Amino acid sequence: MSAHTKTEVIVGGAVLACAIAFGVYASQSTGLSQSSAGYELGASFRSLEGVGVGTDVRLAGVKIGAVTNVTLNSDTYRADTQFSVADGILIPDDSAAVISSEGLLGGNFVELMPGGSPFYFEAGDQIEDTQGAVSLISLLVKFVAGDGSE
């Protein structure tokens, strides 16, 4: 084996190792490699802007699950969403689901705002109290245009 061939094999191996590392990182960051341990809840939102399958579900800023399915309800024109919640995390049945933003340049996520009920959601239940995404562009247009109420 010549020196030229050895160098090519070493460089090829390094490229392959980088590709595998990138694939593992990408699958972990998108939620593809997460186990399905947990239970499913659902919610219906007016606007689901910036949220899709794999988006984080958080409680008090801690990731407790991920969005697993998003469909458009053709009767109500709302976004019906299914998401998983990790086993062992009990969500009071008067809790709210809100689409929140990580900041001006950050992405959106589903935030669960716990209520005070002594009863908890069970697998397959629907969260009735929801708040959709607020469009930053529409807020800026309203601010710039003014509302004319002076």
N, C-alpha and C. Protein backbone atom coordinates (compact mmCIF):
# COMPACT_ATOMS: atom_id res chain seq x y z
N MET A 1 0.85 -1.17 0.00
CA MET A 1 0.00 0.00 0.00
C MET A 1 0.89 1.23 0.00
N SER A 2 0.67 2.12 -0.93
CA SER A 2 1.51 3.31 -1.05
C SER A 2 1.08 4.37 -0.03
N ALA A 3 1.94 5.36 0.17
CA ALA A 3 1.65 6.44 1.11
C ALA A 3 0.43 7.23 0.66
N HIS A 4 0.26 7.33 -0.65
CA HIS A 4 -0.88 8.06 -1.20
C HIS A 4 -2.20 7.36 -0.83
N THR A 5 -2.23 6.04 -0.91
CA THR A 5 -3.42 5.26 -0.59
C THR A 5 -3.73 5.32 0.90
N LYS A 6 -2.71 5.26 1.75
CA LYS A 6 -2.92 5.35 3.20
C LYS A 6 -3.55 6.69 3.57
N THR A 7 -3.08 7.76 2.97
CA THR A 7 -3.62 9.09 3.25
C THR A 7 -5.09 9.16 2.83
N GLU A 8 -5.41 8.60 1.69
CA GLU A 8 -6.79 8.61 1.21
C GLU A 8 -7.71 7.82 2.14
N VAL A 9 -7.22 6.68 2.64
CA VAL A 9 -8.02 5.87 3.56
C VAL A 9 -8.24 6.62 4.87
N ILE A 10 -7.22 7.28 5.38
CA ILE A 10 -7.35 8.03 6.64
C ILE A 10 -8.32 9.19 6.47
N VAL A 11 -8.18 9.94 5.39
CA VAL A 11 -9.08 11.07 5.14
C VAL A 11 -10.51 10.57 4.92
N GLY A 12 -10.67 9.49 4.19
CA GLY A 12 -12.01 8.92 3.98
C GLY A 12 -12.65 8.48 5.28
N GLY A 13 -11.86 7.86 6.16
CA GLY A 13 -12.37 7.44 7.47
C GLY A 13 -12.78 8.63 8.32
N ALA A 14 -11.99 9.71 8.27
CA ALA A 14 -12.33 10.91 9.04
C ALA A 14 -13.63 11.54 8.53
N VAL A 15 -13.79 11.59 7.21
CA VAL A 15 -15.03 12.13 6.63
C VAL A 15 -16.22 11.26 7.02
N LEU A 16 -16.08 9.96 6.97
CA LEU A 16 -17.15 9.05 7.36
C LEU A 16 -17.50 9.22 8.84
N ALA A 17 -16.52 9.36 9.71
CA ALA A 17 -16.77 9.56 11.13
C ALA A 17 -17.51 10.86 11.37
N CYS A 18 -17.13 11.92 10.66
CA CYS A 18 -17.82 13.21 10.79
C CYS A 18 -19.27 13.09 10.32
N ALA A 19 -19.50 12.37 9.24
CA ALA A 19 -20.86 12.20 8.72
C ALA A 19 -21.73 11.44 9.72
N ILE A 20 -21.19 10.41 10.33
CA ILE A 20 -21.94 9.64 11.33
C ILE A 20 -22.23 10.51 12.55
N ALA A 21 -21.24 11.27 13.01
CA ALA A 21 -21.45 12.16 14.16
C ALA A 21 -22.53 13.19 13.86
N PHE A 22 -22.50 13.75 12.64
CA PHE A 22 -23.53 14.73 12.26
C PHE A 22 -24.90 14.08 12.23
N GLY A 23 -25.00 12.87 11.71
CA GLY A 23 -26.29 12.17 11.65
C GLY A 23 -26.86 11.91 13.04
N VAL A 24 -26.00 11.49 13.97
CA VAL A 24 -26.45 11.26 15.35
C VAL A 24 -26.92 12.57 15.98
N TYR A 25 -26.16 13.63 15.79
CA TYR A 25 -26.54 14.94 16.34
C TYR A 25 -27.86 15.42 15.75
N ALA A 26 -28.04 15.28 14.44
CA ALA A 26 -29.26 15.73 13.79
C ALA A 26 -30.47 14.95 14.27
N SER A 27 -30.34 13.64 14.43
CA SER A 27 -31.48 12.85 14.89
C SER A 27 -31.84 13.16 16.34
N GLN A 28 -30.85 13.48 17.17
CA GLN A 28 -31.14 13.83 18.55
C GLN A 28 -31.76 15.22 18.66
N SER A 29 -31.29 16.16 17.87
CA SER A 29 -31.80 17.53 17.99
C SER A 29 -33.19 17.67 17.38
N THR A 30 -33.58 16.80 16.45
CA THR A 30 -34.92 16.86 15.88
C THR A 30 -35.90 15.95 16.59
N GLY A 31 -35.43 15.18 17.55
CA GLY A 31 -36.32 14.32 18.32
C GLY A 31 -36.61 12.99 17.66
N LEU A 32 -35.93 12.66 16.58
CA LEU A 32 -36.19 11.39 15.90
C LEU A 32 -35.72 10.19 16.70
N SER A 33 -34.71 10.36 17.53
CA SER A 33 -34.16 9.22 18.25
C SER A 33 -34.74 9.07 19.65
N GLN A 34 -35.70 9.92 20.01
CA GLN A 34 -36.25 9.84 21.35
C GLN A 34 -37.15 8.62 21.46
N SER A 35 -37.17 8.07 22.64
CA SER A 35 -38.05 6.93 22.86
C SER A 35 -39.48 7.44 22.97
N SER A 36 -40.43 6.56 22.71
CA SER A 36 -41.82 6.97 22.75
C SER A 36 -42.42 6.77 24.13
N ALA A 37 -41.59 6.66 25.17
CA ALA A 37 -42.09 6.50 26.52
C ALA A 37 -42.85 7.76 26.91
N GLY A 38 -44.03 7.57 27.41
CA GLY A 38 -44.85 8.70 27.81
C GLY A 38 -46.28 8.47 27.37
N TYR A 39 -47.08 9.52 27.50
CA TYR A 39 -48.47 9.41 27.10
C TYR A 39 -48.83 10.59 26.21
N GLU A 40 -49.85 10.40 25.38
CA GLU A 40 -50.26 11.39 24.40
C GLU A 40 -51.36 12.28 24.95
N LEU A 41 -51.26 13.57 24.66
CA LEU A 41 -52.33 14.53 24.91
C LEU A 41 -52.59 15.27 23.61
N GLY A 42 -53.72 15.93 23.53
CA GLY A 42 -54.05 16.67 22.33
C GLY A 42 -54.51 18.07 22.68
N ALA A 43 -54.45 18.96 21.69
CA ALA A 43 -54.93 20.33 21.84
C ALA A 43 -55.25 20.87 20.46
N SER A 44 -56.15 21.84 20.40
CA SER A 44 -56.53 22.45 19.14
C SER A 44 -56.20 23.95 19.22
N PHE A 45 -55.39 24.44 18.27
CA PHE A 45 -54.91 25.82 18.30
C PHE A 45 -55.47 26.61 17.13
N ARG A 46 -55.71 27.89 17.35
CA ARG A 46 -56.14 28.80 16.28
C ARG A 46 -55.00 29.01 15.31
N SER A 47 -53.77 29.16 15.83
CA SER A 47 -52.59 29.36 14.98
C SER A 47 -51.44 28.56 15.57
N LEU A 48 -50.80 27.79 14.70
CA LEU A 48 -49.69 26.93 15.14
C LEU A 48 -48.40 27.35 14.46
N GLU A 49 -48.31 28.63 14.14
CA GLU A 49 -47.16 29.17 13.40
C GLU A 49 -45.84 28.85 14.11
N GLY A 50 -44.91 28.24 13.37
CA GLY A 50 -43.59 27.93 13.90
C GLY A 50 -43.50 26.63 14.68
N VAL A 51 -44.59 25.86 14.72
CA VAL A 51 -44.60 24.59 15.46
C VAL A 51 -44.90 23.47 14.47
N GLY A 52 -44.14 22.39 14.57
CA GLY A 52 -44.35 21.23 13.72
C GLY A 52 -44.00 19.97 14.49
N VAL A 53 -44.05 18.85 13.81
CA VAL A 53 -43.71 17.57 14.44
C VAL A 53 -42.26 17.63 14.93
N GLY A 54 -42.05 17.24 16.16
CA GLY A 54 -40.71 17.26 16.76
C GLY A 54 -40.46 18.49 17.62
N THR A 55 -41.34 19.48 17.57
CA THR A 55 -41.17 20.69 18.38
C THR A 55 -41.28 20.34 19.87
N ASP A 56 -40.50 21.02 20.70
CA ASP A 56 -40.49 20.76 22.13
C ASP A 56 -41.83 21.09 22.78
N VAL A 57 -42.17 20.31 23.80
CA VAL A 57 -43.26 20.62 24.73
C VAL A 57 -42.57 20.85 26.07
N ARG A 58 -42.79 22.03 26.66
CA ARG A 58 -42.07 22.40 27.88
C ARG A 58 -43.03 22.75 29.01
N LEU A 59 -42.55 22.51 30.21
CA LEU A 59 -43.25 22.88 31.43
C LEU A 59 -42.22 23.55 32.32
N ALA A 60 -42.45 24.81 32.65
CA ALA A 60 -41.52 25.60 33.46
C ALA A 60 -40.14 25.68 32.80
N GLY A 61 -40.12 25.69 31.47
CA GLY A 61 -38.87 25.80 30.73
C GLY A 61 -38.12 24.51 30.53
N VAL A 62 -38.66 23.40 31.06
CA VAL A 62 -38.00 22.10 30.95
C VAL A 62 -38.72 21.26 29.90
N LYS A 63 -37.97 20.67 28.98
CA LYS A 63 -38.58 19.83 27.95
C LYS A 63 -39.15 18.57 28.58
N ILE A 64 -40.45 18.35 28.36
CA ILE A 64 -41.10 17.16 28.91
C ILE A 64 -41.71 16.28 27.83
N GLY A 65 -41.59 16.72 26.58
CA GLY A 65 -42.16 15.94 25.49
C GLY A 65 -41.93 16.62 24.16
N ALA A 66 -42.66 16.13 23.15
CA ALA A 66 -42.52 16.66 21.80
C ALA A 66 -43.83 16.52 21.05
N VAL A 67 -44.03 17.39 20.08
CA VAL A 67 -45.20 17.32 19.22
C VAL A 67 -45.05 16.09 18.32
N THR A 68 -46.09 15.26 18.24
CA THR A 68 -46.01 14.03 17.46
C THR A 68 -46.85 14.05 16.20
N ASN A 69 -47.87 14.93 16.15
CA ASN A 69 -48.74 14.96 14.97
C ASN A 69 -49.44 16.31 14.90
N VAL A 70 -49.58 16.84 13.69
CA VAL A 70 -50.30 18.09 13.45
C VAL A 70 -51.19 17.89 12.24
N THR A 71 -52.49 18.18 12.39
CA THR A 71 -53.42 18.09 11.28
C THR A 71 -54.35 19.30 11.29
N LEU A 72 -54.88 19.64 10.14
CA LEU A 72 -55.85 20.73 10.04
C LEU A 72 -57.24 20.13 10.14
N ASN A 73 -58.03 20.63 11.07
CA ASN A 73 -59.41 20.20 11.22
C ASN A 73 -60.24 20.98 10.20
N SER A 74 -60.78 20.28 9.20
CA SER A 74 -61.49 20.96 8.12
C SER A 74 -62.85 21.50 8.55
N ASP A 75 -63.37 21.09 9.68
CA ASP A 75 -64.64 21.61 10.18
C ASP A 75 -64.46 22.91 10.96
N THR A 76 -63.42 22.98 11.79
CA THR A 76 -63.22 24.15 12.65
C THR A 76 -62.12 25.08 12.15
N TYR A 77 -61.35 24.63 11.15
CA TYR A 77 -60.20 25.37 10.63
C TYR A 77 -59.19 25.70 11.72
N ARG A 78 -58.99 24.76 12.60
CA ARG A 78 -58.00 24.88 13.67
C ARG A 78 -56.95 23.78 13.49
N ALA A 79 -55.79 23.98 14.08
CA ALA A 79 -54.71 23.01 13.99
C ALA A 79 -54.82 22.04 15.17
N ASP A 80 -55.22 20.81 14.87
CA ASP A 80 -55.31 19.77 15.89
C ASP A 80 -53.92 19.19 16.08
N THR A 81 -53.47 19.18 17.31
CA THR A 81 -52.09 18.80 17.63
C THR A 81 -52.07 17.68 18.66
N GLN A 82 -51.23 16.70 18.42
CA GLN A 82 -50.98 15.63 19.39
C GLN A 82 -49.55 15.77 19.87
N PHE A 83 -49.32 15.58 21.15
CA PHE A 83 -47.97 15.64 21.67
C PHE A 83 -47.80 14.65 22.81
N SER A 84 -46.55 14.25 23.02
CA SER A 84 -46.24 13.29 24.08
C SER A 84 -45.76 14.04 25.31
N VAL A 85 -46.05 13.44 26.46
CA VAL A 85 -45.57 13.95 27.75
C VAL A 85 -44.89 12.77 28.44
N ALA A 86 -43.72 13.00 28.98
CA ALA A 86 -42.93 11.93 29.61
C ALA A 86 -43.70 11.28 30.76
N ASP A 87 -43.53 9.98 30.89
CA ASP A 87 -44.14 9.25 32.01
C ASP A 87 -43.68 9.85 33.33
N GLY A 88 -44.56 9.86 34.30
CA GLY A 88 -44.22 10.36 35.63
C GLY A 88 -44.50 11.85 35.80
N ILE A 89 -44.82 12.55 34.72
CA ILE A 89 -45.15 13.97 34.82
C ILE A 89 -46.67 14.10 34.70
N LEU A 90 -47.30 14.49 35.79
CA LEU A 90 -48.75 14.61 35.82
C LEU A 90 -49.14 16.05 35.56
N ILE A 91 -50.04 16.26 34.62
CA ILE A 91 -50.49 17.58 34.22
C ILE A 91 -51.91 17.78 34.76
N PRO A 92 -52.16 18.80 35.61
CA PRO A 92 -53.51 19.05 36.12
C PRO A 92 -54.50 19.25 34.97
N ASP A 93 -55.74 18.79 35.14
CA ASP A 93 -56.70 18.82 34.04
C ASP A 93 -57.30 20.19 33.76
N ASP A 94 -56.86 21.23 34.47
CA ASP A 94 -57.28 22.59 34.13
C ASP A 94 -56.10 23.41 33.60
N SER A 95 -55.09 22.72 33.10
CA SER A 95 -53.90 23.38 32.55
C SER A 95 -54.18 23.95 31.17
N ALA A 96 -53.32 24.88 30.74
CA ALA A 96 -53.44 25.50 29.44
C ALA A 96 -52.23 25.14 28.59
N ALA A 97 -52.44 25.11 27.27
CA ALA A 97 -51.35 24.90 26.31
C ALA A 97 -51.21 26.18 25.51
N VAL A 98 -50.00 26.74 25.49
CA VAL A 98 -49.74 28.03 24.87
C VAL A 98 -48.57 27.87 23.90
N ILE A 99 -48.67 28.51 22.73
CA ILE A 99 -47.53 28.55 21.82
C ILE A 99 -46.67 29.72 22.25
N SER A 100 -45.47 29.45 22.71
CA SER A 100 -44.54 30.47 23.20
C SER A 100 -43.34 30.58 22.29
N SER A 101 -42.62 31.67 22.42
CA SER A 101 -41.44 31.90 21.61
C SER A 101 -40.21 32.00 22.50
N GLU A 102 -39.08 31.57 21.98
CA GLU A 102 -37.83 31.65 22.73
C GLU A 102 -37.22 33.05 22.69
N GLY A 103 -37.82 33.94 21.97
CA GLY A 103 -37.31 35.30 21.84
C GLY A 103 -37.57 35.81 20.44
N LEU A 104 -37.01 36.98 20.13
CA LEU A 104 -37.25 37.55 18.81
C LEU A 104 -36.75 36.68 17.68
N LEU A 105 -35.60 36.05 17.86
CA LEU A 105 -35.02 35.24 16.81
C LEU A 105 -35.13 33.74 17.07
N GLY A 106 -35.67 33.38 18.23
CA GLY A 106 -35.78 31.97 18.58
C GLY A 106 -37.01 31.33 17.98
N GLY A 107 -37.08 30.02 18.06
CA GLY A 107 -38.22 29.28 17.53
C GLY A 107 -39.35 29.22 18.53
N ASN A 108 -40.47 28.69 18.08
CA ASN A 108 -41.64 28.51 18.94
C ASN A 108 -41.64 27.13 19.55
N PHE A 109 -42.38 26.98 20.64
CA PHE A 109 -42.55 25.70 21.30
C PHE A 109 -43.90 25.69 21.99
N VAL A 110 -44.36 24.51 22.39
CA VAL A 110 -45.62 24.38 23.12
C VAL A 110 -45.28 24.42 24.61
N GLU A 111 -45.89 25.37 25.31
CA GLU A 111 -45.66 25.51 26.75
C GLU A 111 -46.93 25.10 27.48
N LEU A 112 -46.78 24.23 28.45
CA LEU A 112 -47.92 23.84 29.29
C LEU A 112 -47.90 24.69 30.56
N MET A 113 -49.02 25.36 30.81
CA MET A 113 -49.17 26.19 32.00
C MET A 113 -50.06 25.42 32.97
N PRO A 114 -49.47 24.89 34.05
CA PRO A 114 -50.25 24.03 34.95
C PRO A 114 -51.31 24.80 35.72
N GLY A 115 -52.44 24.13 35.90
CA GLY A 115 -53.51 24.69 36.70
C GLY A 115 -53.40 24.20 38.14
N GLY A 116 -54.46 24.35 38.90
CA GLY A 116 -54.42 23.96 40.31
C GLY A 116 -55.33 22.81 40.67
N SER A 117 -55.86 22.13 39.67
CA SER A 117 -56.79 21.03 39.91
C SER A 117 -56.09 19.84 40.56
N PRO A 118 -56.81 19.14 41.45
CA PRO A 118 -56.22 17.92 42.04
C PRO A 118 -56.34 16.71 41.12
N PHE A 119 -57.00 16.89 39.96
CA PHE A 119 -57.18 15.81 39.01
C PHE A 119 -56.24 16.03 37.82
N TYR A 120 -55.83 14.94 37.17
CA TYR A 120 -54.82 15.03 36.12
C TYR A 120 -55.34 14.50 34.79
N PHE A 121 -54.72 14.98 33.71
CA PHE A 121 -55.02 14.45 32.39
C PHE A 121 -54.58 13.00 32.31
N GLU A 122 -55.33 12.23 31.52
CA GLU A 122 -54.95 10.85 31.23
C GLU A 122 -54.61 10.74 29.75
N ALA A 123 -53.99 9.67 29.37
CA ALA A 123 -53.58 9.47 27.98
C ALA A 123 -54.77 9.64 27.04
N GLY A 124 -54.58 10.44 25.99
CA GLY A 124 -55.62 10.66 25.00
C GLY A 124 -56.53 11.84 25.28
N ASP A 125 -56.42 12.48 26.44
CA ASP A 125 -57.26 13.63 26.77
C ASP A 125 -56.90 14.84 25.92
N GLN A 126 -57.84 15.77 25.81
CA GLN A 126 -57.65 17.01 25.06
C GLN A 126 -57.55 18.19 26.03
N ILE A 127 -56.59 19.06 25.80
CA ILE A 127 -56.47 20.30 26.57
C ILE A 127 -57.37 21.32 25.89
N GLU A 128 -58.35 21.82 26.61
CA GLU A 128 -59.33 22.74 26.04
C GLU A 128 -58.84 24.19 26.04
N ASP A 129 -58.09 24.56 27.06
CA ASP A 129 -57.62 25.94 27.20
C ASP A 129 -56.32 26.11 26.41
N THR A 130 -56.41 26.73 25.23
CA THR A 130 -55.24 26.90 24.38
C THR A 130 -55.11 28.35 23.94
N GLN A 131 -53.89 28.72 23.63
CA GLN A 131 -53.61 30.04 23.06
C GLN A 131 -52.63 29.84 21.92
N GLY A 132 -53.02 30.29 20.73
CA GLY A 132 -52.21 30.10 19.55
C GLY A 132 -51.02 31.04 19.51
N ALA A 133 -50.25 30.90 18.44
CA ALA A 133 -49.07 31.73 18.24
C ALA A 133 -49.47 33.17 17.92
N VAL A 134 -48.68 34.10 18.42
CA VAL A 134 -48.88 35.51 18.12
C VAL A 134 -47.86 35.90 17.05
N SER A 135 -48.35 36.44 15.95
CA SER A 135 -47.46 36.82 14.86
C SER A 135 -46.76 38.13 15.18
N LEU A 136 -45.45 38.09 15.23
CA LEU A 136 -44.67 39.29 15.53
C LEU A 136 -44.84 40.33 14.42
N ILE A 137 -44.95 39.90 13.19
CA ILE A 137 -45.12 40.82 12.06
C ILE A 137 -46.43 41.60 12.20
N SER A 138 -47.53 40.90 12.51
CA SER A 138 -48.81 41.60 12.64
C SER A 138 -48.80 42.56 13.81
N LEU A 139 -48.12 42.23 14.88
CA LEU A 139 -48.00 43.16 16.01
C LEU A 139 -47.22 44.41 15.62
N LEU A 140 -46.13 44.22 14.87
CA LEU A 140 -45.34 45.37 14.42
C LEU A 140 -46.13 46.25 13.47
N VAL A 141 -46.91 45.66 12.58
CA VAL A 141 -47.74 46.45 11.64
C VAL A 141 -48.77 47.26 12.41
N LYS A 142 -49.41 46.65 13.42
CA LYS A 142 -50.38 47.39 14.23
C LYS A 142 -49.71 48.53 14.97
N PHE A 143 -48.53 48.30 15.48
CA PHE A 143 -47.81 49.34 16.23
C PHE A 143 -47.42 50.51 15.32
N VAL A 144 -46.89 50.20 14.15
CA VAL A 144 -46.46 51.24 13.22
C VAL A 144 -47.64 52.00 12.66
N ALA A 145 -48.71 51.30 12.31
CA ALA A 145 -49.90 51.95 11.73
C ALA A 145 -50.69 52.71 12.79
N GLY A 146 -50.57 52.34 14.05
CA GLY A 146 -51.37 52.95 15.11
C GLY A 146 -52.78 52.43 15.06
N ASP A 147 -53.47 52.53 16.16
CA ASP A 147 -54.83 52.01 16.20
C ASP A 147 -55.89 53.12 16.08
N GLY A 148 -55.46 54.39 16.05
CA GLY A 148 -56.37 55.51 15.80
C GLY A 148 -57.29 55.84 16.96
N SER A 149 -57.03 55.33 18.15
CA SER A 149 -57.88 55.62 19.29
C SER A 149 -57.21 56.59 20.25
N GLU A 150 -57.27 57.88 19.89
CA GLU A 150 -56.68 58.89 20.78
C GLU A 150 -57.72 59.87 21.21
